[in-house]
Amino acid sequence: MKIAIVQSESIWENPSANRTLFDEKFNTILPETDLIVLPEMFTTGFTMQPQFCAESMDGPTVVWMQSWAKKLHAALIGSIAVEDNGHFYNRLFFVHPDGKLEIYNKRHRFTLAGEHQVYTAGKERLIVTYKGWKICPLICYDLRFPAYSRNTENYDILLYVANWPQPRIQAWDLLLRARAVENMCYTLGVNRVGQDGNNHCYVGHSQAIDCFGNYSLAPQQNDAIYYVELNKKTLEENRKKFPFLEDRDTIHWD
């Protein structure tokens, strides 16, 4: 699978301007890309004021994502602030090339920033089946909770979209490698760069890691699109040779 990791700045609380920003980037996406990954809250930055910029399920950003997925013949993934039935969610969208939507609401809200006071927590994990791969997409703070990330479905790719700030970037690097090794899967972390409206600084470190903790893509710091190709046959051979997942604890999430 060929994956485009879009590590980008974000214009604070301005979905329209951010869609224009990403329009320019998408026009450069290489042919035969299978999956395009955007950071957490890519249309607003990590805002605690969704009342000013959240969108609906049929709002312009969802329609925009569907349009680009169809145009590029690629799946598109990223999270935005959504208002749904009177609640705000930090909601991740997996948009298939035909426009089909699958969603995941962030379960672990970042209490240090007051996210738990603004956004409603998700209740279910999402496992996406796409082009023969099983993908588990999660959001930022979920990374700190290994039990929730546990590979009980034999997923192939664990993927985190994030707004993870510079002061704690060493934890980001360390935890991503831990999740890859303990779950015997490819693990991707896609973070933003730049400065947000609260003057928090982000240095990216988007990366891809194999099931042994080796970098398929080392942590990157520039505003750019990075590509990584993952090989499912190699993953399956490694799991067969080292069947550690057979000894995992059984955890069920409601």
C-alpha atoms as a PDB file:
ATOM      1  CA  MET A   1       0.000   0.000   0.000  1.00  0.00           C
ATOM      2  CA  LYS A   2       1.301   3.433  -0.982  1.00  0.00           C
ATOM      3  CA  ILE A   3       0.495   6.049   1.652  1.00  0.00           C
ATOM      4  CA  ALA A   4       0.858   9.826   1.458  1.00  0.00           C
ATOM      5  CA  ILE A   5       1.469  11.467   4.837  1.00  0.00           C
ATOM      6  CA  VAL A   6       0.508  15.142   4.713  1.00  0.00           C
ATOM      7  CA  GLN A   7       2.451  16.997   7.405  1.00  0.00           C
ATOM      8  CA  SER A   8       1.179  20.551   7.322  1.00  0.00           C
ATOM      9  CA  GLU A   9       0.523  23.766   9.168  1.00  0.00           C
ATOM     10  CA  SER A  10      -3.084  24.670   9.900  1.00  0.00           C
ATOM     11  CA  ILE A  11      -4.825  28.045   9.779  1.00  0.00           C
ATOM     12  CA  TRP A  12      -6.476  28.638  13.155  1.00  0.00           C
ATOM     13  CA  GLU A  13     -10.228  27.979  13.277  1.00  0.00           C
ATOM     14  CA  ASN A  14     -10.728  28.602   9.563  1.00  0.00           C
ATOM     15  CA  PRO A  15     -12.051  25.518   7.722  1.00  0.00           C
ATOM     16  CA  SER A  16     -12.485  27.313   4.395  1.00  0.00           C
ATOM     17  CA  ALA A  17      -8.891  28.596   4.348  1.00  0.00           C
ATOM     18  CA  ASN A  18      -7.565  25.187   5.338  1.00  0.00           C
ATOM     19  CA  ARG A  19      -9.474  23.434   2.569  1.00  0.00           C
ATOM     20  CA  THR A  20      -7.832  25.840   0.120  1.00  0.00           C
ATOM     21  CA  LEU A  21      -4.446  25.114   1.704  1.00  0.00           C
ATOM     22  CA  PHE A  22      -4.920  21.379   1.262  1.00  0.00           C
ATOM     23  CA  ASP A  23      -6.299  21.825  -2.259  1.00  0.00           C
ATOM     24  CA  GLU A  24      -2.840  23.043  -3.257  1.00  0.00           C
ATOM     25  CA  LYS A  25      -1.161  20.069  -1.618  1.00  0.00           C
ATOM     26  CA  PHE A  26      -3.553  17.506  -3.091  1.00  0.00           C
ATOM     27  CA  ASN A  27      -2.851  18.781  -6.576  1.00  0.00           C
ATOM     28  CA  THR A  28       0.699  17.422  -6.147  1.00  0.00           C
ATOM     29  CA  ILE A  29      -0.242  13.934  -4.851  1.00  0.00           C
ATOM     30  CA  LEU A  30       1.600  11.247  -6.801  1.00  0.00           C
ATOM     31  CA  PRO A  31      -0.372   8.831  -8.989  1.00  0.00           C
ATOM     32  CA  GLU A  32      -1.250   5.388  -7.631  1.00  0.00           C
ATOM     33  CA  THR A  33      -1.389   6.639  -4.049  1.00  0.00           C
ATOM     34  CA  ASP A  34      -3.766   4.386  -2.077  1.00  0.00           C
ATOM     35  CA  LEU A  35      -4.269   6.347   1.141  1.00  0.00           C
ATOM     36  CA  ILE A  36      -3.802  10.020   2.096  1.00  0.00           C
ATOM     37  CA  VAL A  37      -3.508  10.887   5.789  1.00  0.00           C
ATOM     38  CA  LEU A  38      -4.099  14.340   7.296  1.00  0.00           C
ATOM     39  CA  PRO A  39      -3.443  15.503  10.876  1.00  0.00           C
ATOM     40  CA  GLU A  40      -5.975  15.764  13.689  1.00  0.00           C
ATOM     41  CA  MET A  41      -8.440  18.673  13.330  1.00  0.00           C
ATOM     42  CA  PHE A  42      -6.806  19.646  10.050  1.00  0.00           C
ATOM     43  CA  THR A  43      -9.447  22.307   9.282  1.00  0.00           C
ATOM     44  CA  THR A  44      -9.159  24.229  12.555  1.00  0.00           C
ATOM     45  CA  GLY A  45      -6.177  23.288  14.658  1.00  0.00           C
ATOM     46  CA  PHE A  46      -6.756  21.805  18.124  1.00  0.00           C
ATOM     47  CA  THR A  47      -9.512  24.214  19.099  1.00  0.00           C
ATOM     48  CA  MET A  48     -11.590  24.141  22.271  1.00  0.00           C
ATOM     49  CA  GLN A  49     -14.114  26.504  20.675  1.00  0.00           C
ATOM     50  CA  PRO A  50     -15.991  24.232  18.252  1.00  0.00           C
ATOM     51  CA  GLN A  51     -19.098  26.401  18.562  1.00  0.00           C
ATOM     52  CA  PHE A  52     -17.374  28.806  16.164  1.00  0.00           C
ATOM     53  CA  CYS A  53     -16.075  26.360  13.561  1.00  0.00           C
ATOM     54  CA  ALA A  54     -17.534  22.850  13.918  1.00  0.00           C
ATOM     55  CA  GLU A  55     -19.310  21.380  10.889  1.00  0.00           C
ATOM     56  CA  SER A  56     -22.133  18.943  10.344  1.00  0.00           C
ATOM     57  CA  MET A  57     -21.959  15.472   8.839  1.00  0.00           C
ATOM     58  CA  ASP A  58     -23.069  16.883   5.505  1.00  0.00           C
ATOM     59  CA  GLY A  59     -21.002  20.055   5.842  1.00  0.00           C
ATOM     60  CA  PRO A  60     -18.501  21.435   3.315  1.00  0.00           C
ATOM     61  CA  THR A  61     -15.417  19.599   4.628  1.00  0.00           C
ATOM     62  CA  VAL A  62     -17.011  16.141   4.462  1.00  0.00           C
ATOM     63  CA  VAL A  63     -18.229  16.861   0.936  1.00  0.00           C
ATOM     64  CA  TRP A  64     -14.766  18.188   0.073  1.00  0.00           C
ATOM     65  CA  MET A  65     -13.100  15.016   1.381  1.00  0.00           C
ATOM     66  CA  GLN A  66     -15.454  12.842  -0.667  1.00  0.00           C
ATOM     67  CA  SER A  67     -14.776  14.892  -3.784  1.00  0.00           C
ATOM     68  CA  TRP A  68     -11.001  14.590  -3.434  1.00  0.00           C
ATOM     69  CA  ALA A  69     -11.137  10.872  -2.627  1.00  0.00           C
ATOM     70  CA  LYS A  70     -13.075  10.258  -5.846  1.00  0.00           C
ATOM     71  CA  LYS A  71     -10.822  12.552  -7.883  1.00  0.00           C
ATOM     72  CA  LEU A  72      -7.585  10.953  -6.649  1.00  0.00           C
ATOM     73  CA  HIS A  73      -8.970   7.389  -6.571  1.00  0.00           C
ATOM     74  CA  ALA A  74      -7.556   7.147  -3.062  1.00  0.00           C
ATOM     75  CA  ALA A  75      -8.894   6.867   0.468  1.00  0.00           C
ATOM     76  CA  LEU A  76      -8.616   9.994   2.612  1.00  0.00           C
ATOM     77  CA  ILE A  77      -8.398  10.165   6.406  1.00  0.00           C
ATOM     78  CA  GLY A  78      -8.268  12.953   8.999  1.00  0.00           C
ATOM     79  CA  SER A  79     -10.261  14.370  11.908  1.00  0.00           C
ATOM     80  CA  ILE A  80     -12.341  17.537  12.200  1.00  0.00           C
ATOM     81  CA  ALA A  81     -14.589  19.188  14.783  1.00  0.00           C
ATOM     82  CA  VAL A  82     -18.169  18.008  14.188  1.00  0.00           C
ATOM     83  CA  GLU A  83     -21.502  18.972  15.721  1.00  0.00           C
ATOM     84  CA  ASP A  84     -23.948  16.061  15.705  1.00  0.00           C
ATOM     85  CA  ASN A  85     -27.274  15.861  17.567  1.00  0.00           C
ATOM     86  CA  GLY A  86     -26.340  18.657  19.934  1.00  0.00           C
ATOM     87  CA  HIS A  87     -22.887  17.287  20.796  1.00  0.00           C
ATOM     88  CA  PHE A  88     -19.412  18.217  19.621  1.00  0.00           C
ATOM     89  CA  TYR A  89     -17.024  15.439  18.568  1.00  0.00           C
ATOM     90  CA  ASN A  90     -13.393  15.247  17.544  1.00  0.00           C
ATOM     91  CA  ARG A  91     -14.389  12.956  14.692  1.00  0.00           C
ATOM     92  CA  LEU A  92     -12.115  11.059  12.326  1.00  0.00           C
ATOM     93  CA  PHE A  93     -13.361  10.297   8.831  1.00  0.00           C
ATOM     94  CA  PHE A  94     -12.107   7.453   6.665  1.00  0.00           C
ATOM     95  CA  VAL A  95     -13.372   8.335   3.190  1.00  0.00           C
ATOM     96  CA  HIS A  96     -13.186   5.544   0.614  1.00  0.00           C
ATOM     97  CA  PRO A  97     -12.490   6.345  -3.064  1.00  0.00           C
ATOM     98  CA  ASP A  98     -16.184   5.865  -3.866  1.00  0.00           C
ATOM     99  CA  GLY A  99     -17.153   8.412  -1.194  1.00  0.00           C
ATOM    100  CA  LYS A 100     -18.259   5.901   1.459  1.00  0.00           C
ATOM    101  CA  LEU A 101     -17.719   7.239   4.989  1.00  0.00           C
ATOM    102  CA  GLU A 102     -16.550   5.436   8.118  1.00  0.00           C
ATOM    103  CA  ILE A 103     -16.131   7.398  11.352  1.00  0.00           C
ATOM    104  CA  TYR A 104     -14.339   7.200  14.678  1.00  0.00           C
ATOM    105  CA  ASN A 105     -14.954   9.587  17.587  1.00  0.00           C
ATOM    106  CA  LYS A 106     -11.906  10.254  19.763  1.00  0.00           C
ATOM    107  CA  ARG A 107     -12.261   8.250  22.971  1.00  0.00           C
ATOM    108  CA  HIS A 108      -9.496   9.718  25.133  1.00  0.00           C
ATOM    109  CA  ARG A 109     -10.033  13.442  25.382  1.00  0.00           C
ATOM    110  CA  PHE A 110      -7.040  15.561  26.355  1.00  0.00           C
ATOM    111  CA  THR A 111      -8.018  16.773  29.836  1.00  0.00           C
ATOM    112  CA  LEU A 112      -4.935  18.989  30.140  1.00  0.00           C
ATOM    113  CA  ALA A 113      -6.468  21.243  27.470  1.00  0.00           C
ATOM    114  CA  GLY A 114     -10.073  20.819  28.677  1.00  0.00           C
ATOM    115  CA  GLU A 115     -11.102  18.689  25.712  1.00  0.00           C
ATOM    116  CA  HIS A 116     -13.257  16.552  28.021  1.00  0.00           C
ATOM    117  CA  GLN A 117     -15.338  19.622  28.889  1.00  0.00           C
ATOM    118  CA  VAL A 118     -16.108  20.423  25.250  1.00  0.00           C
ATOM    119  CA  TYR A 119     -16.165  17.222  23.195  1.00  0.00           C
ATOM    120  CA  THR A 120     -18.157  14.038  23.749  1.00  0.00           C
ATOM    121  CA  ALA A 121     -16.090  10.866  24.051  1.00  0.00           C
ATOM    122  CA  GLY A 122     -16.322   8.099  21.496  1.00  0.00           C
ATOM    123  CA  LYS A 123     -17.497   4.648  22.568  1.00  0.00           C
ATOM    124  CA  GLU A 124     -16.315   2.339  19.807  1.00  0.00           C
ATOM    125  CA  ARG A 125     -13.100   1.636  17.932  1.00  0.00           C
ATOM    126  CA  LEU A 126     -13.138   1.518  14.163  1.00  0.00           C
ATOM    127  CA  ILE A 127     -11.478  -1.199  12.104  1.00  0.00           C
ATOM    128  CA  VAL A 128     -11.481  -0.332   8.401  1.00  0.00           C
ATOM    129  CA  THR A 129     -11.046  -2.951   5.695  1.00  0.00           C
ATOM    130  CA  TYR A 130      -9.443  -1.369   2.653  1.00  0.00           C
ATOM    131  CA  LYS A 131      -7.693  -3.023  -0.296  1.00  0.00           C
ATOM    132  CA  GLY A 132      -7.186  -6.207   1.696  1.00  0.00           C
ATOM    133  CA  TRP A 133      -5.693  -4.386   4.708  1.00  0.00           C
ATOM    134  CA  LYS A 134      -7.233  -3.969   8.160  1.00  0.00           C
ATOM    135  CA  ILE A 135      -6.596  -0.476   9.549  1.00  0.00           C
ATOM    136  CA  CYS A 136      -7.210   0.817  13.083  1.00  0.00           C
ATOM    137  CA  PRO A 137      -7.314   4.638  13.061  1.00  0.00           C
ATOM    138  CA  LEU A 138      -7.022   6.505  16.368  1.00  0.00           C
ATOM    139  CA  ILE A 139      -6.492  10.122  17.440  1.00  0.00           C
ATOM    140  CA  CYS A 140      -3.572  11.761  19.253  1.00  0.00           C
ATOM    141  CA  TYR A 141      -4.075  11.267  23.034  1.00  0.00           C
ATOM    142  CA  ASP A 142      -5.304   7.702  22.373  1.00  0.00           C
ATOM    143  CA  LEU A 143      -1.615   6.915  21.832  1.00  0.00           C
ATOM    144  CA  ARG A 144      -0.942   7.048  25.584  1.00  0.00           C
ATOM    145  CA  PHE A 145      -3.353   4.186  26.319  1.00  0.00           C
ATOM    146  CA  PRO A 146      -1.923   0.843  25.163  1.00  0.00           C
ATOM    147  CA  ALA A 147      -4.867  -1.281  26.319  1.00  0.00           C
ATOM    148  CA  TYR A 148      -7.211   0.650  24.036  1.00  0.00           C
ATOM    149  CA  SER A 149      -4.805   0.291  21.112  1.00  0.00           C
ATOM    150  CA  ARG A 150      -4.357  -3.448  21.671  1.00  0.00           C
ATOM    151  CA  ASN A 151      -4.453  -5.522  18.502  1.00  0.00           C
ATOM    152  CA  THR A 152      -7.327  -7.892  19.225  1.00  0.00           C
ATOM    153  CA  GLU A 153      -8.645  -7.853  15.634  1.00  0.00           C
ATOM    154  CA  ASN A 154      -5.418  -8.773  13.822  1.00  0.00           C
ATOM    155  CA  TYR A 155      -5.288  -5.362  12.183  1.00  0.00           C
ATOM    156  CA  ASP A 156      -2.327  -4.654   9.921  1.00  0.00           C
ATOM    157  CA  ILE A 157      -1.940  -0.894  10.359  1.00  0.00           C
ATOM    158  CA  LEU A 158      -2.343   1.200  13.503  1.00  0.00           C
ATOM    159  CA  LEU A 159      -2.663   4.849  12.567  1.00  0.00           C
ATOM    160  CA  TYR A 160      -2.685   7.986  14.742  1.00  0.00           C
ATOM    161  CA  VAL A 161      -3.588  11.470  13.494  1.00  0.00           C
ATOM    162  CA  ALA A 162      -2.430  14.160  15.894  1.00  0.00           C
ATOM    163  CA  ASN A 163      -1.768  17.686  17.082  1.00  0.00           C
ATOM    164  CA  TRP A 164       1.104  16.641  19.371  1.00  0.00           C
ATOM    165  CA  PRO A 165       3.128  19.660  20.612  1.00  0.00           C
ATOM    166  CA  GLN A 166       6.888  20.064  20.631  1.00  0.00           C
ATOM    167  CA  PRO A 167       7.485  19.891  24.449  1.00  0.00           C
ATOM    168  CA  ARG A 168       6.294  16.249  24.535  1.00  0.00           C
ATOM    169  CA  ILE A 169       7.582  15.087  21.149  1.00  0.00           C
ATOM    170  CA  GLN A 170       9.971  12.548  22.693  1.00  0.00           C
ATOM    171  CA  ALA A 171       6.973  10.749  24.190  1.00  0.00           C
ATOM    172  CA  TRP A 172       5.321  10.722  20.747  1.00  0.00           C
ATOM    173  CA  ASP A 173       8.379   9.068  19.191  1.00  0.00           C
ATOM    174  CA  LEU A 174       8.736   6.533  21.994  1.00  0.00           C
ATOM    175  CA  LEU A 175       5.085   5.552  22.241  1.00  0.00           C
ATOM    176  CA  LEU A 176       4.641   5.076  18.495  1.00  0.00           C
ATOM    177  CA  ARG A 177       7.499   2.574  18.421  1.00  0.00           C
ATOM    178  CA  ALA A 178       6.092   0.793  21.482  1.00  0.00           C
ATOM    179  CA  ARG A 179       2.650   0.466  19.873  1.00  0.00           C
ATOM    180  CA  ALA A 180       4.225  -0.978  16.713  1.00  0.00           C
ATOM    181  CA  VAL A 181       6.249  -3.607  18.570  1.00  0.00           C
ATOM    182  CA  GLU A 182       3.605  -4.701  21.070  1.00  0.00           C
ATOM    183  CA  ASN A 183       0.914  -5.000  18.384  1.00  0.00           C
ATOM    184  CA  MET A 184       3.124  -6.555  15.682  1.00  0.00           C
ATOM    185  CA  CYS A 185       1.835  -4.145  13.052  1.00  0.00           C
ATOM    186  CA  TYR A 186       2.810  -1.189  10.923  1.00  0.00           C
ATOM    187  CA  THR A 187       2.252   1.985  12.932  1.00  0.00           C
ATOM    188  CA  LEU A 188       1.891   5.469  11.438  1.00  0.00           C
ATOM    189  CA  GLY A 189       1.833   8.772  13.290  1.00  0.00           C
ATOM    190  CA  VAL A 190       0.768  11.878  11.360  1.00  0.00           C
ATOM    191  CA  ASN A 191       1.324  15.185  13.159  1.00  0.00           C
ATOM    192  CA  ARG A 192       1.123  18.854  12.202  1.00  0.00           C
ATOM    193  CA  VAL A 193       3.799  21.560  12.147  1.00  0.00           C
ATOM    194  CA  GLY A 194       3.745  25.289  12.904  1.00  0.00           C
ATOM    195  CA  GLN A 195       2.114  27.323  15.659  1.00  0.00           C
ATOM    196  CA  ASP A 196      -1.557  27.368  16.620  1.00  0.00           C
ATOM    197  CA  GLY A 197      -3.852  30.058  17.980  1.00  0.00           C
ATOM    198  CA  ASN A 198      -2.837  29.222  21.551  1.00  0.00           C
ATOM    199  CA  ASN A 199       0.862  29.704  20.675  1.00  0.00           C
ATOM    200  CA  HIS A 200       1.614  26.000  20.966  1.00  0.00           C
ATOM    201  CA  CYS A 201       4.475  24.901  18.697  1.00  0.00           C
ATOM    202  CA  TYR A 202       4.382  21.707  16.616  1.00  0.00           C
ATOM    203  CA  VAL A 203       7.416  20.108  15.003  1.00  0.00           C
ATOM    204  CA  GLY A 204       5.811  17.248  13.124  1.00  0.00           C
ATOM    205  CA  HIS A 205       7.763  14.014  13.570  1.00  0.00           C
ATOM    206  CA  SER A 206       5.287  12.194  11.318  1.00  0.00           C
ATOM    207  CA  GLN A 207       6.650   8.692  10.821  1.00  0.00           C
ATOM    208  CA  ALA A 208       6.011   5.073   9.876  1.00  0.00           C
ATOM    209  CA  ILE A 209       7.319   2.057  11.812  1.00  0.00           C
ATOM    210  CA  ASP A 210       7.336  -1.670  11.104  1.00  0.00           C
ATOM    211  CA  CYS A 211       6.386  -4.440  13.537  1.00  0.00           C
ATOM    212  CA  PHE A 212       9.928  -4.658  14.922  1.00  0.00           C
ATOM    213  CA  GLY A 213      10.185  -0.948  15.679  1.00  0.00           C
ATOM    214  CA  ASN A 214      12.263  -0.080  12.602  1.00  0.00           C
ATOM    215  CA  TYR A 215      11.517   3.093  10.680  1.00  0.00           C
ATOM    216  CA  SER A 216       9.882   2.774   7.283  1.00  0.00           C
ATOM    217  CA  LEU A 217       9.810   6.568   7.424  1.00  0.00           C
ATOM    218  CA  ALA A 218      11.953   8.309  10.042  1.00  0.00           C
ATOM    219  CA  PRO A 219      10.436  11.281  11.946  1.00  0.00           C
ATOM    220  CA  GLN A 220      10.121  14.287   9.645  1.00  0.00           C
ATOM    221  CA  GLN A 221      10.039  17.994  10.550  1.00  0.00           C
ATOM    222  CA  ASN A 222       9.171  19.927   7.385  1.00  0.00           C
ATOM    223  CA  ASP A 223       5.826  20.996   5.969  1.00  0.00           C
ATOM    224  CA  ALA A 224       5.642  18.446   3.145  1.00  0.00           C
ATOM    225  CA  ILE A 225       4.017  15.301   1.786  1.00  0.00           C
ATOM    226  CA  TYR A 226       5.927  12.123   2.595  1.00  0.00           C
ATOM    227  CA  TYR A 227       5.352   8.737   0.991  1.00  0.00           C
ATOM    228  CA  VAL A 228       5.737   5.279   2.439  1.00  0.00           C
ATOM    229  CA  GLU A 229       5.014   1.871   0.904  1.00  0.00           C
ATOM    230  CA  LEU A 230       3.928  -0.951   3.185  1.00  0.00           C
ATOM    231  CA  ASN A 231       4.195  -4.635   2.284  1.00  0.00           C
ATOM    232  CA  LYS A 232       1.537  -6.928   3.699  1.00  0.00           C
ATOM    233  CA  LYS A 233       3.323 -10.120   2.676  1.00  0.00           C
ATOM    234  CA  THR A 234       6.367  -9.077   4.704  1.00  0.00           C
ATOM    235  CA  LEU A 235       4.165  -8.352   7.715  1.00  0.00           C
ATOM    236  CA  GLU A 236       2.432 -11.717   7.457  1.00  0.00           C
ATOM    237  CA  GLU A 237       5.767 -13.550   7.178  1.00  0.00           C
ATOM    238  CA  ASN A 238       7.102 -11.753  10.257  1.00  0.00           C
ATOM    239  CA  ARG A 239       3.970 -12.579  12.242  1.00  0.00           C
ATOM    240  CA  LYS A 240       4.220 -16.221  11.234  1.00  0.00           C
ATOM    241  CA  LYS A 241       7.879 -16.364  12.267  1.00  0.00           C
ATOM    242  CA  PHE A 242       7.250 -14.481  15.505  1.00  0.00           C
ATOM    243  CA  PRO A 243       3.645 -15.333  16.565  1.00  0.00           C
ATOM    244  CA  PHE A 244       3.628 -13.094  19.630  1.00  0.00           C
ATOM    245  CA  LEU A 245       0.019 -12.018  19.086  1.00  0.00           C
ATOM    246  CA  GLU A 246      -1.142 -15.541  19.842  1.00  0.00           C
ATOM    247  CA  ASP A 247      -0.223 -14.916  23.500  1.00  0.00           C
ATOM    248  CA  ARG A 248      -1.997 -11.557  23.826  1.00  0.00           C
ATOM    249  CA  ASP A 249      -4.570 -10.760  26.482  1.00  0.00           C
ATOM    250  CA  THR A 250      -8.175 -10.702  25.316  1.00  0.00           C
ATOM    251  CA  ILE A 251      -9.828  -7.296  25.666  1.00  0.00           C
ATOM    252  CA  HIS A 252     -13.286  -6.369  24.451  1.00  0.00           C
ATOM    253  CA  TRP A 253     -14.360  -2.749  23.967  1.00  0.00           C
ATOM    254  CA  ASP A 254     -17.969  -1.626  23.976  1.00  0.00           C
END
